[in-house]
Amino acid sequence: GEPPLSASVTLHVLLVDGFSQPFLPLPDAPADAPVDDRLTVY
């Protein structure tokens, strides 16, 4: 446009050896949802 308008965006790039490598931490489980393995045992 005249005059031109703009916006900016920030990108974060990680270089890894392979996609099987755990690069990013898993999100924490909610405090009110305890892990229950009984279903797996059943």
Full PDB file with SEQRES, HELIX, SHEET, SSBOND, CRYST1, ORIGX, SCALE, CONECT and MASTER records, all heavy atoms in Angstrom:
SEQRES   1 A   42  GLY GLU PRO PRO LEU SER ALA SER VAL THR LEU HIS VAL          
SEQRES   2 A   42  LEU LEU VAL ASP GLY PHE SER GLN PRO PHE LEU PRO LEU          
SEQRES   3 A   42  PRO ASP ALA PRO ALA ASP ALA PRO VAL ASP ASP ARG LEU          
SEQRES   4 A   42  THR VAL TYR                                                  
HELIX    1 AA1 ARG A   38  VAL A   41  1                                   4    
CRYST1    1.000    1.000    1.000  90.00  90.00  90.00 P 1           1          
ORIGX1      1.000000  0.000000  0.000000        0.00000                         
ORIGX2      0.000000  1.000000  0.000000        0.00000                         
ORIGX3      0.000000  0.000000  1.000000        0.00000                         
SCALE1      1.000000  0.000000  0.000000        0.00000                         
SCALE2      0.000000  1.000000  0.000000        0.00000                         
SCALE3      0.000000  0.000000  1.000000        0.00000                         
ATOM      1  N   GLY A   1       0.813  -1.205   0.000  1.00  0.00           N  
ATOM      2  CA  GLY A   1       0.000   0.000   0.000  1.00  0.00           C  
ATOM      3  C   GLY A   1       0.847   1.256   0.000  1.00  0.00           C  
ATOM      4  O   GLY A   1       2.077   1.215  -0.014  1.00  0.00           O  
ATOM      5  N   GLU A   2       0.135   2.383  -0.011  1.00  0.00           N  
ATOM      6  CA  GLU A   2       0.827   3.673  -0.012  1.00  0.00           C  
ATOM      7  C   GLU A   2       0.212   4.563   1.075  1.00  0.00           C  
ATOM      8  O   GLU A   2      -0.926   5.028   0.919  1.00  0.00           O  
ATOM      9  CB  GLU A   2       0.677   4.336  -1.384  1.00  0.00           C  
ATOM     10  CG  GLU A   2       1.451   5.623  -1.524  1.00  0.00           C  
ATOM     11  CD  GLU A   2       2.953   5.443  -1.331  1.00  0.00           C  
ATOM     12  OE1 GLU A   2       3.497   4.435  -1.834  1.00  0.00           O  
ATOM     13  OE2 GLU A   2       3.558   6.312  -0.683  1.00  0.00           O  
ATOM     14  N   PRO A   3       0.876   4.746   2.184  1.00  0.00           N  
ATOM     15  CA  PRO A   3       2.206   4.207   2.516  1.00  0.00           C  
ATOM     16  C   PRO A   3       2.095   2.746   2.947  1.00  0.00           C  
ATOM     17  O   PRO A   3       1.046   2.318   3.418  1.00  0.00           O  
ATOM     18  CB  PRO A   3       2.645   5.101   3.671  1.00  0.00           C  
ATOM     19  CG  PRO A   3       1.357   5.489   4.335  1.00  0.00           C  
ATOM     20  CD  PRO A   3       0.363   5.658   3.234  1.00  0.00           C  
ATOM     21  N   PRO A   4       3.168   1.966   2.819  1.00  0.00           N  
ATOM     22  CA  PRO A   4       3.120   0.553   3.188  1.00  0.00           C  
ATOM     23  C   PRO A   4       3.059   0.378   4.692  1.00  0.00           C  
ATOM     24  O   PRO A   4       3.621   1.156   5.461  1.00  0.00           O  
ATOM     25  CB  PRO A   4       4.413  -0.010   2.599  1.00  0.00           C  
ATOM     26  CG  PRO A   4       5.334   1.145   2.529  1.00  0.00           C  
ATOM     27  CD  PRO A   4       4.486   2.342   2.257  1.00  0.00           C  
ATOM     28  N   LEU A   5       2.366  -0.695   5.105  1.00  0.00           N  
ATOM     29  CA  LEU A   5       2.286  -1.085   6.514  1.00  0.00           C  
ATOM     30  C   LEU A   5       2.954  -2.443   6.668  1.00  0.00           C  
ATOM     31  O   LEU A   5       2.981  -3.245   5.728  1.00  0.00           O  
ATOM     32  CB  LEU A   5       0.834  -1.136   6.991  1.00  0.00           C  
ATOM     33  CG  LEU A   5       0.040   0.177   6.882  1.00  0.00           C  
ATOM     34  CD1 LEU A   5      -1.390  -0.038   7.344  1.00  0.00           C  
ATOM     35  CD2 LEU A   5       0.705   1.271   7.689  1.00  0.00           C  
ATOM     36  N   SER A   6       3.483  -2.714   7.851  1.00  0.00           N  
ATOM     37  CA  SER A   6       4.265  -3.938   8.031  1.00  0.00           C  
ATOM     38  C   SER A   6       4.042  -4.517   9.411  1.00  0.00           C  
ATOM     39  O   SER A   6       3.493  -3.874  10.313  1.00  0.00           O  
ATOM     40  CB  SER A   6       5.757  -3.658   7.812  1.00  0.00           C  
ATOM     41  OG  SER A   6       6.227  -2.719   8.766  1.00  0.00           O  
ATOM     42  N   ALA A   7       4.487  -5.782   9.559  1.00  0.00           N  
ATOM     43  CA  ALA A   7       4.497  -6.494  10.834  1.00  0.00           C  
ATOM     44  C   ALA A   7       5.725  -7.389  10.836  1.00  0.00           C  
ATOM     45  O   ALA A   7       6.258  -7.752   9.781  1.00  0.00           O  
ATOM     46  CB  ALA A   7       3.225  -7.315  11.025  1.00  0.00           C  
ATOM     47  N   SER A   8       6.190  -7.738  12.014  1.00  0.00           N  
ATOM     48  CA  SER A   8       7.375  -8.589  12.136  1.00  0.00           C  
ATOM     49  C   SER A   8       7.037  -9.850  12.912  1.00  0.00           C  
ATOM     50  O   SER A   8       6.104  -9.868  13.726  1.00  0.00           O  
ATOM     51  CB  SER A   8       8.514  -7.834  12.831  1.00  0.00           C  
ATOM     52  OG  SER A   8       8.129  -7.451  14.140  1.00  0.00           O  
ATOM     53  N   VAL A   9       7.816 -10.903  12.665  1.00  0.00           N  
ATOM     54  CA  VAL A   9       7.619 -12.184  13.326  1.00  0.00           C  
ATOM     55  C   VAL A   9       8.988 -12.765  13.657  1.00  0.00           C  
ATOM     56  O   VAL A   9       9.936 -12.637  12.870  1.00  0.00           O  
ATOM     57  CB  VAL A   9       6.798 -13.149  12.438  1.00  0.00           C  
ATOM     58  CG1 VAL A   9       7.438 -13.344  11.089  1.00  0.00           C  
ATOM     59  CG2 VAL A   9       6.608 -14.492  13.118  1.00  0.00           C  
ATOM     60  N   THR A  10       9.086 -13.394  14.837  1.00  0.00           N  
ATOM     61  CA  THR A  10      10.337 -13.995  15.290  1.00  0.00           C  
ATOM     62  C   THR A  10      10.252 -15.504  15.172  1.00  0.00           C  
ATOM     63  O   THR A  10       9.272 -16.120  15.619  1.00  0.00           O  
ATOM     64  CB  THR A  10      10.632 -13.599  16.742  1.00  0.00           C  
ATOM     65  OG1 THR A  10      10.713 -12.183  16.824  1.00  0.00           O  
ATOM     66  CG2 THR A  10      11.937 -14.202  17.212  1.00  0.00           C  
ATOM     67  N   LEU A  11      11.255 -16.123  14.545  1.00  0.00           N  
ATOM     68  CA  LEU A  11      11.336 -17.573  14.371  1.00  0.00           C  
ATOM     69  C   LEU A  11      12.483 -18.109  15.206  1.00  0.00           C  
ATOM     70  O   LEU A  11      13.565 -17.499  15.276  1.00  0.00           O  
ATOM     71  CB  LEU A  11      11.539 -17.938  12.902  1.00  0.00           C  
ATOM     72  CG  LEU A  11      10.489 -17.424  11.905  1.00  0.00           C  
ATOM     73  CD1 LEU A  11      10.880 -17.829  10.501  1.00  0.00           C  
ATOM     74  CD2 LEU A  11       9.119 -17.966  12.250  1.00  0.00           C  
ATOM     75  N   HIS A  12      12.259 -19.276  15.815  1.00  0.00           N  
ATOM     76  CA  HIS A  12      13.290 -19.972  16.581  1.00  0.00           C  
ATOM     77  C   HIS A  12      13.586 -21.287  15.874  1.00  0.00           C  
ATOM     78  O   HIS A  12      12.678 -22.093  15.651  1.00  0.00           O  
ATOM     79  CB  HIS A  12      12.820 -20.222  18.006  1.00  0.00           C  
ATOM     80  CG  HIS A  12      12.568 -18.964  18.785  1.00  0.00           C  
ATOM     81  ND1 HIS A  12      13.535 -18.322  19.518  1.00  0.00           N  
ATOM     82  CD2 HIS A  12      11.450 -18.201  18.910  1.00  0.00           C  
ATOM     83  CE1 HIS A  12      13.031 -17.240  20.080  1.00  0.00           C  
ATOM     84  NE2 HIS A  12      11.752 -17.138  19.725  1.00  0.00           N  
ATOM     85  N   VAL A  13      14.838 -21.502  15.525  1.00  0.00           N  
ATOM     86  CA  VAL A  13      15.252 -22.688  14.768  1.00  0.00           C  
ATOM     87  C   VAL A  13      16.287 -23.445  15.589  1.00  0.00           C  
ATOM     88  O   VAL A  13      17.237 -22.845  16.119  1.00  0.00           O  
ATOM     89  CB  VAL A  13      15.836 -22.296  13.395  1.00  0.00           C  
ATOM     90  CG1 VAL A  13      16.259 -23.537  12.628  1.00  0.00           C  
ATOM     91  CG2 VAL A  13      14.816 -21.496  12.592  1.00  0.00           C  
ATOM     92  N   LEU A  14      16.092 -24.793  15.685  1.00  0.00           N  
ATOM     93  CA  LEU A  14      17.033 -25.674  16.375  1.00  0.00           C  
ATOM     94  C   LEU A  14      17.647 -26.628  15.374  1.00  0.00           C  
ATOM     95  O   LEU A  14      16.921 -27.262  14.595  1.00  0.00           O  
ATOM     96  CB  LEU A  14      16.324 -26.461  17.476  1.00  0.00           C  
ATOM     97  CG  LEU A  14      15.757 -25.661  18.657  1.00  0.00           C  
ATOM     98  CD1 LEU A  14      15.100 -26.597  19.644  1.00  0.00           C  
ATOM     99  CD2 LEU A  14      16.834 -24.837  19.329  1.00  0.00           C  
ATOM    100  N   LEU A  15      18.960 -26.720  15.375  1.00  0.00           N  
ATOM    101  CA  LEU A  15      19.663 -27.686  14.536  1.00  0.00           C  
ATOM    102  C   LEU A  15      19.855 -28.959  15.335  1.00  0.00           C  
ATOM    103  O   LEU A  15      20.382 -28.936  16.452  1.00  0.00           O  
ATOM    104  CB  LEU A  15      21.018 -27.124  14.090  1.00  0.00           C  
ATOM    105  CG  LEU A  15      20.982 -25.772  13.360  1.00  0.00           C  
ATOM    106  CD1 LEU A  15      22.386 -25.422  12.869  1.00  0.00           C  
ATOM    107  CD2 LEU A  15      20.002 -25.798  12.213  1.00  0.00           C  
ATOM    108  N   VAL A  16      19.426 -30.103  14.763  1.00  0.00           N  
ATOM    109  CA  VAL A  16      19.463 -31.380  15.478  1.00  0.00           C  
ATOM    110  C   VAL A  16      20.155 -32.403  14.607  1.00  0.00           C  
ATOM    111  O   VAL A  16      20.264 -32.275  13.380  1.00  0.00           O  
ATOM    112  CB  VAL A  16      18.036 -31.844  15.833  1.00  0.00           C  
ATOM    113  CG1 VAL A  16      17.378 -30.872  16.782  1.00  0.00           C  
ATOM    114  CG2 VAL A  16      17.196 -31.989  14.571  1.00  0.00           C  
ATOM    115  N   ASP A  17      20.634 -33.470  15.278  1.00  0.00           N  
ATOM    116  CA  ASP A  17      21.292 -34.554  14.555  1.00  0.00           C  
ATOM    117  C   ASP A  17      20.292 -35.490  13.912  1.00  0.00           C  
ATOM    118  O   ASP A  17      20.576 -36.125  12.912  1.00  0.00           O  
ATOM    119  CB  ASP A  17      22.202 -35.335  15.506  1.00  0.00           C  
ATOM    120  CG  ASP A  17      23.354 -34.468  15.992  1.00  0.00           C  
ATOM    121  OD1 ASP A  17      23.751 -33.551  15.242  1.00  0.00           O  
ATOM    122  OD2 ASP A  17      23.825 -34.686  17.121  1.00  0.00           O  
ATOM    123  N   GLY A  18      19.145 -35.643  14.484  1.00  0.00           N  
ATOM    124  CA  GLY A  18      18.106 -36.520  13.943  1.00  0.00           C  
ATOM    125  C   GLY A  18      16.800 -36.208  14.626  1.00  0.00           C  
ATOM    126  O   GLY A  18      16.765 -35.748  15.775  1.00  0.00           O  
ATOM    127  N   PHE A  19      15.707 -36.501  13.967  1.00  0.00           N  
ATOM    128  CA  PHE A  19      14.405 -36.143  14.518  1.00  0.00           C  
ATOM    129  C   PHE A  19      13.992 -37.047  15.661  1.00  0.00           C  
ATOM    130  O   PHE A  19      13.002 -36.793  16.320  1.00  0.00           O  
ATOM    131  CB  PHE A  19      13.332 -36.170  13.423  1.00  0.00           C  
ATOM    132  CG  PHE A  19      13.436 -35.002  12.495  1.00  0.00           C  
ATOM    133  CD1 PHE A  19      13.734 -35.176  11.154  1.00  0.00           C  
ATOM    134  CD2 PHE A  19      13.242 -33.723  12.962  1.00  0.00           C  
ATOM    135  CE1 PHE A  19      13.822 -34.100  10.307  1.00  0.00           C  
ATOM    136  CE2 PHE A  19      13.338 -32.632  12.116  1.00  0.00           C  
ATOM    137  CZ  PHE A  19      13.623 -32.825  10.788  1.00  0.00           C  
ATOM    138  N   SER A  20      14.750 -38.161  15.919  1.00  0.00           N  
ATOM    139  CA  SER A  20      14.434 -39.024  17.045  1.00  0.00           C  
ATOM    140  C   SER A  20      15.011 -38.492  18.344  1.00  0.00           C  
ATOM    141  O   SER A  20      14.698 -38.972  19.425  1.00  0.00           O  
ATOM    142  CB  SER A  20      14.968 -40.439  16.792  1.00  0.00           C  
ATOM    143  OG  SER A  20      16.382 -40.414  16.631  1.00  0.00           O  
ATOM    144  N   GLN A  21      15.893 -37.533  18.288  1.00  0.00           N  
ATOM    145  CA  GLN A  21      16.519 -36.967  19.472  1.00  0.00           C  
ATOM    146  C   GLN A  21      15.523 -36.108  20.225  1.00  0.00           C  
ATOM    147  O   GLN A  21      14.823 -35.293  19.640  1.00  0.00           O  
ATOM    148  CB  GLN A  21      17.723 -36.125  19.060  1.00  0.00           C  
ATOM    149  CG  GLN A  21      18.430 -35.447  20.232  1.00  0.00           C  
ATOM    150  CD  GLN A  21      19.574 -34.585  19.747  1.00  0.00           C  
ATOM    151  OE1 GLN A  21      19.917 -34.644  18.580  1.00  0.00           O  
ATOM    152  NE2 GLN A  21      20.146 -33.814  20.641  1.00  0.00           N  
ATOM    153  N   PRO A  22      15.413 -36.297  21.551  1.00  0.00           N  
ATOM    154  CA  PRO A  22      14.473 -35.460  22.313  1.00  0.00           C  
ATOM    155  C   PRO A  22      15.035 -34.057  22.482  1.00  0.00           C  
ATOM    156  O   PRO A  22      15.938 -33.825  23.278  1.00  0.00           O  
ATOM    157  CB  PRO A  22      14.361 -36.187  23.658  1.00  0.00           C  
ATOM    158  CG  PRO A  22      15.659 -36.917  23.804  1.00  0.00           C  
ATOM    159  CD  PRO A  22      16.090 -37.303  22.406  1.00  0.00           C  
ATOM    160  N   PHE A  23      14.482 -33.138  21.723  1.00  0.00           N  
ATOM    161  CA  PHE A  23      15.025 -31.781  21.748  1.00  0.00           C  
ATOM    162  C   PHE A  23      14.290 -30.896  22.733  1.00  0.00           C  
ATOM    163  O   PHE A  23      14.884 -30.083  23.402  1.00  0.00           O  
ATOM    164  CB  PHE A  23      14.916 -31.157  20.356  1.00  0.00           C  
ATOM    165  CG  PHE A  23      15.496 -32.039  19.298  1.00  0.00           C  
ATOM    166  CD1 PHE A  23      14.678 -32.784  18.478  1.00  0.00           C  
ATOM    167  CD2 PHE A  23      16.852 -32.138  19.152  1.00  0.00           C  
ATOM    168  CE1 PHE A  23      15.216 -33.591  17.513  1.00  0.00           C  
ATOM    169  CE2 PHE A  23      17.378 -32.951  18.181  1.00  0.00           C  
ATOM    170  CZ  PHE A  23      16.563 -33.684  17.363  1.00  0.00           C  
ATOM    171  N   LEU A  24      12.991 -31.051  22.766  1.00  0.00           N  
ATOM    172  CA  LEU A  24      12.212 -30.128  23.568  1.00  0.00           C  
ATOM    173  C   LEU A  24      11.623 -30.854  24.761  1.00  0.00           C  
ATOM    174  O   LEU A  24      11.213 -32.020  24.655  1.00  0.00           O  
ATOM    175  CB  LEU A  24      11.060 -29.538  22.733  1.00  0.00           C  
ATOM    176  CG  LEU A  24      11.512 -28.780  21.483  1.00  0.00           C  
ATOM    177  CD1 LEU A  24      10.283 -28.296  20.724  1.00  0.00           C  
ATOM    178  CD2 LEU A  24      12.396 -27.605  21.865  1.00  0.00           C  
ATOM    179  N   PRO A  25      11.557 -30.222  25.931  1.00  0.00           N  
ATOM    180  CA  PRO A  25      10.964 -30.875  27.102  1.00  0.00           C  
ATOM    181  C   PRO A  25       9.473 -31.046  26.921  1.00  0.00           C  
ATOM    182  O   PRO A  25       8.802 -30.237  26.295  1.00  0.00           O  
ATOM    183  CB  PRO A  25      11.281 -29.889  28.239  1.00  0.00           C  
ATOM    184  CG  PRO A  25      11.420 -28.563  27.559  1.00  0.00           C  
ATOM    185  CD  PRO A  25      12.025 -28.864  26.211  1.00  0.00           C  
ATOM    186  N   LEU A  26       8.974 -32.179  27.467  1.00  0.00           N  
ATOM    187  CA  LEU A  26       7.546 -32.431  27.402  1.00  0.00           C  
ATOM    188  C   LEU A  26       6.827 -31.491  28.341  1.00  0.00           C  
ATOM    189  O   LEU A  26       7.349 -31.125  29.397  1.00  0.00           O  
ATOM    190  CB  LEU A  26       7.252 -33.887  27.793  1.00  0.00           C  
ATOM    191  CG  LEU A  26       7.808 -34.937  26.830  1.00  0.00           C  
ATOM    192  CD1 LEU A  26       7.523 -36.326  27.374  1.00  0.00           C  
ATOM    193  CD2 LEU A  26       7.211 -34.778  25.453  1.00  0.00           C  
ATOM    194  N   PRO A  27       5.626 -31.096  27.995  1.00  0.00           N  
ATOM    195  CA  PRO A  27       4.885 -30.212  28.902  1.00  0.00           C  
ATOM    196  C   PRO A  27       4.550 -30.927  30.190  1.00  0.00           C  
ATOM    197  O   PRO A  27       4.290 -32.123  30.207  1.00  0.00           O  
ATOM    198  CB  PRO A  27       3.625 -29.861  28.090  1.00  0.00           C  
ATOM    199  CG  PRO A  27       3.493 -30.955  27.096  1.00  0.00           C  
ATOM    200  CD  PRO A  27       4.892 -31.397  26.774  1.00  0.00           C  
ATOM    201  N   ASP A  28       4.612 -30.186  31.279  1.00  0.00           N  
ATOM    202  CA  ASP A  28       4.305 -30.763  32.579  1.00  0.00           C  
ATOM    203  C   ASP A  28       2.843 -31.142  32.654  1.00  0.00           C  
ATOM    204  O   ASP A  28       1.971 -30.456  32.129  1.00  0.00           O  
ATOM    205  CB  ASP A  28       4.618 -29.760  33.692  1.00  0.00           C  
ATOM    206  CG  ASP A  28       6.111 -29.438  33.725  1.00  0.00           C  
ATOM    207  OD1 ASP A  28       6.896 -30.318  33.295  1.00  0.00           O  
ATOM    208  OD2 ASP A  28       6.465 -28.319  34.144  1.00  0.00           O  
ATOM    209  N   ALA A  29       2.632 -32.308  33.347  1.00  0.00           N  
ATOM    210  CA  ALA A  29       1.254 -32.758  33.532  1.00  0.00           C  
ATOM    211  C   ALA A  29       0.557 -31.853  34.525  1.00  0.00           C  
ATOM    212  O   ALA A  29       1.186 -31.341  35.453  1.00  0.00           O  
ATOM    213  CB  ALA A  29       1.238 -34.205  34.033  1.00  0.00           C  
ATOM    214  N   PRO A  30      -0.717 -31.613  34.383  1.00  0.00           N  
ATOM    215  CA  PRO A  30      -1.437 -30.772  35.335  1.00  0.00           C  
ATOM    216  C   PRO A  30      -1.367 -31.354  36.730  1.00  0.00           C  
ATOM    217  O   PRO A  30      -1.337 -32.567  36.924  1.00  0.00           O  
ATOM    218  CB  PRO A  30      -2.871 -30.752  34.782  1.00  0.00           C  
ATOM    219  CG  PRO A  30      -2.731 -31.112  33.350  1.00  0.00           C  
ATOM    220  CD  PRO A  30      -1.563 -32.028  33.269  1.00  0.00           C  
ATOM    221  N   ALA A  31      -1.304 -30.481  37.728  1.00  0.00           N  
ATOM    222  CA  ALA A  31      -1.172 -30.939  39.105  1.00  0.00           C  
ATOM    223  C   ALA A  31      -2.388 -31.705  39.570  1.00  0.00           C  
ATOM    224  O   ALA A  31      -2.290 -32.586  40.421  1.00  0.00           O  
ATOM    225  CB  ALA A  31      -0.939 -29.733  40.022  1.00  0.00           C  
ATOM    226  N   ASP A  32      -3.551 -31.400  39.012  1.00  0.00           N  
ATOM    227  CA  ASP A  32      -4.772 -32.065  39.446  1.00  0.00           C  
ATOM    228  C   ASP A  32      -5.075 -33.311  38.644  1.00  0.00           C  
ATOM    229  O   ASP A  32      -6.166 -33.842  38.731  1.00  0.00           O  
ATOM    230  CB  ASP A  32      -5.954 -31.097  39.336  1.00  0.00           C  
ATOM    231  CG  ASP A  32      -6.085 -30.563  37.934  1.00  0.00           C  
ATOM    232  OD1 ASP A  32      -5.145 -30.773  37.133  1.00  0.00           O  
ATOM    233  OD2 ASP A  32      -7.112 -29.926  37.636  1.00  0.00           O  
ATOM    234  N   ALA A  33      -4.123 -33.823  37.843  1.00  0.00           N  
ATOM    235  CA  ALA A  33      -4.333 -35.036  37.056  1.00  0.00           C  
ATOM    236  C   ALA A  33      -3.176 -35.990  37.309  1.00  0.00           C  
ATOM    237  O   ALA A  33      -2.238 -36.073  36.531  1.00  0.00           O  
ATOM    238  CB  ALA A  33      -4.459 -34.708  35.574  1.00  0.00           C  
ATOM    239  N   PRO A  34      -3.135 -36.732  38.453  1.00  0.00           N  
ATOM    240  CA  PRO A  34      -2.030 -37.650  38.763  1.00  0.00           C  
ATOM    241  C   PRO A  34      -1.977 -38.790  37.773  1.00  0.00           C  
ATOM    242  O   PRO A  34      -2.982 -39.230  37.213  1.00  0.00           O  
ATOM    243  CB  PRO A  34      -2.371 -38.142  40.178  1.00  0.00           C  
ATOM    244  CG  PRO A  34      -3.854 -37.967  40.298  1.00  0.00           C  
ATOM    245  CD  PRO A  34      -4.188 -36.751  39.497  1.00  0.00           C  
ATOM    246  N   VAL A  35      -0.752 -39.268  37.566  1.00  0.00           N  
ATOM    247  CA  VAL A  35      -0.533 -40.358  36.625  1.00  0.00           C  
ATOM    248  C   VAL A  35      -1.069 -41.650  37.234  1.00  0.00           C  
ATOM    249  O   VAL A  35      -0.755 -42.001  38.378  1.00  0.00           O  
ATOM    250  CB  VAL A  35       0.968 -40.485  36.291  1.00  0.00           C  
ATOM    251  CG1 VAL A  35       1.193 -41.627  35.337  1.00  0.00           C  
ATOM    252  CG2 VAL A  35       1.471 -39.174  35.716  1.00  0.00           C  
ATOM    253  N   ASP A  36      -1.844 -42.391  36.513  1.00  0.00           N  
ATOM    254  CA  ASP A  36      -2.455 -43.629  36.980  1.00  0.00           C  
ATOM    255  C   ASP A  36      -2.154 -44.714  35.966  1.00  0.00           C  
ATOM    256  O   ASP A  36      -2.605 -44.651  34.826  1.00  0.00           O  
ATOM    257  CB  ASP A  36      -3.964 -43.436  37.137  1.00  0.00           C  
ATOM    258  CG  ASP A  36      -4.621 -44.609  37.860  1.00  0.00           C  
ATOM    259  OD1 ASP A  36      -3.891 -45.577  38.174  1.00  0.00           O  
ATOM    260  OD2 ASP A  36      -5.844 -44.551  38.089  1.00  0.00           O  
ATOM    261  N   ASP A  37      -1.325 -45.752  36.437  1.00  0.00           N  
ATOM    262  CA  ASP A  37      -0.940 -46.847  35.546  1.00  0.00           C  
ATOM    263  C   ASP A  37      -1.835 -48.064  35.704  1.00  0.00           C  
ATOM    264  O   ASP A  37      -1.553 -49.116  35.121  1.00  0.00           O  
ATOM    265  CB  ASP A  37       0.518 -47.259  35.824  1.00  0.00           C  
ATOM    266  CG  ASP A  37       1.481 -46.154  35.433  1.00  0.00           C  
ATOM    267  OD1 ASP A  37       1.079 -45.342  34.579  1.00  0.00           O  
ATOM    268  OD2 ASP A  37       2.596 -46.106  35.983  1.00  0.00           O  
ATOM    269  N   ARG A  38      -2.880 -47.968  36.499  1.00  0.00           N  
ATOM    270  CA  ARG A  38      -3.717 -49.152  36.703  1.00  0.00           C  
ATOM    271  C   ARG A  38      -4.418 -49.576  35.419  1.00  0.00           C  
ATOM    272  O   ARG A  38      -4.636 -50.768  35.212  1.00  0.00           O  
ATOM    273  CB  ARG A  38      -4.760 -48.855  37.787  1.00  0.00           C  
ATOM    274  CG  ARG A  38      -4.153 -48.712  39.188  1.00  0.00           C  
ATOM    275  CD  ARG A  38      -5.233 -48.449  40.215  1.00  0.00           C  
ATOM    276  NE  ARG A  38      -5.881 -47.168  39.948  1.00  0.00           N  
ATOM    277  CZ  ARG A  38      -6.923 -46.713  40.638  1.00  0.00           C  
ATOM    278  NH1 ARG A  38      -7.437 -47.443  41.613  1.00  0.00           N  
ATOM    279  NH2 ARG A  38      -7.449 -45.539  40.345  1.00  0.00           N  
ATOM    280  N   LEU A  39      -4.759 -48.638  34.609  1.00  0.00           N  
ATOM    281  CA  LEU A  39      -5.429 -49.006  33.360  1.00  0.00           C  
ATOM    282  C   LEU A  39      -4.520 -49.870  32.493  1.00  0.00           C  
ATOM    283  O   LEU A  39      -4.959 -50.845  31.888  1.00  0.00           O  
ATOM    284  CB  LEU A  39      -5.838 -47.743  32.605  1.00  0.00           C  
ATOM    285  CG  LEU A  39      -6.544 -47.956  31.260  1.00  0.00           C  
ATOM    286  CD1 LEU A  39      -7.824 -48.753  31.458  1.00  0.00           C  
ATOM    287  CD2 LEU A  39      -6.842 -46.627  30.596  1.00  0.00           C  
ATOM    288  N   THR A  40      -3.230 -49.535  32.464  1.00  0.00           N  
ATOM    289  CA  THR A  40      -2.286 -50.341  31.679  1.00  0.00           C  
ATOM    290  C   THR A  40      -2.186 -51.752  32.226  1.00  0.00           C  
ATOM    291  O   THR A  40      -2.150 -52.743  31.481  1.00  0.00           O  
ATOM    292  CB  THR A  40      -0.915 -49.652  31.687  1.00  0.00           C  
ATOM    293  OG1 THR A  40      -1.045 -48.326  31.198  1.00  0.00           O  
ATOM    294  CG2 THR A  40       0.080 -50.423  30.827  1.00  0.00           C  
ATOM    295  N   VAL A  41      -2.136 -51.872  33.574  1.00  0.00           N  
ATOM    296  CA  VAL A  41      -2.069 -53.210  34.184  1.00  0.00           C  
ATOM    297  C   VAL A  41      -3.305 -54.009  33.844  1.00  0.00           C  
ATOM    298  O   VAL A  41      -3.233 -55.202  33.500  1.00  0.00           O  
ATOM    299  CB  VAL A  41      -1.894 -53.071  35.713  1.00  0.00           C  
ATOM    300  CG1 VAL A  41      -1.927 -54.438  36.384  1.00  0.00           C  
ATOM    301  CG2 VAL A  41      -0.580 -52.364  36.032  1.00  0.00           C  
ATOM    302  N   TYR A  42      -4.479 -53.378  33.919  1.00  0.00           N  
ATOM    303  CA  TYR A  42      -5.712 -54.088  33.598  1.00  0.00           C  
ATOM    304  C   TYR A  42      -5.710 -54.575  32.149  1.00  0.00           C  
ATOM    305  O   TYR A  42      -6.138 -55.695  31.843  1.00  0.00           O  
ATOM    306  CB  TYR A  42      -6.915 -53.164  33.811  1.00  0.00           C  
ATOM    307  CG  TYR A  42      -7.146 -52.783  35.266  1.00  0.00           C  
ATOM    308  CD1 TYR A  42      -7.834 -51.626  35.594  1.00  0.00           C  
ATOM    309  CD2 TYR A  42      -6.661 -53.595  36.305  1.00  0.00           C  
ATOM    310  CE1 TYR A  42      -8.042 -51.269  36.918  1.00  0.00           C  
ATOM    311  CE2 TYR A  42      -6.858 -53.238  37.630  1.00  0.00           C  
ATOM    312  CZ  TYR A  42      -7.542 -52.077  37.932  1.00  0.00           C  
ATOM    313  OH  TYR A  42      -7.741 -51.725  39.231  1.00  0.00           O  
TER     314      TYR A  42                                                      
MASTER        0    0    0    1    0    0    0    6  313    1    0    4          
END                                                                             
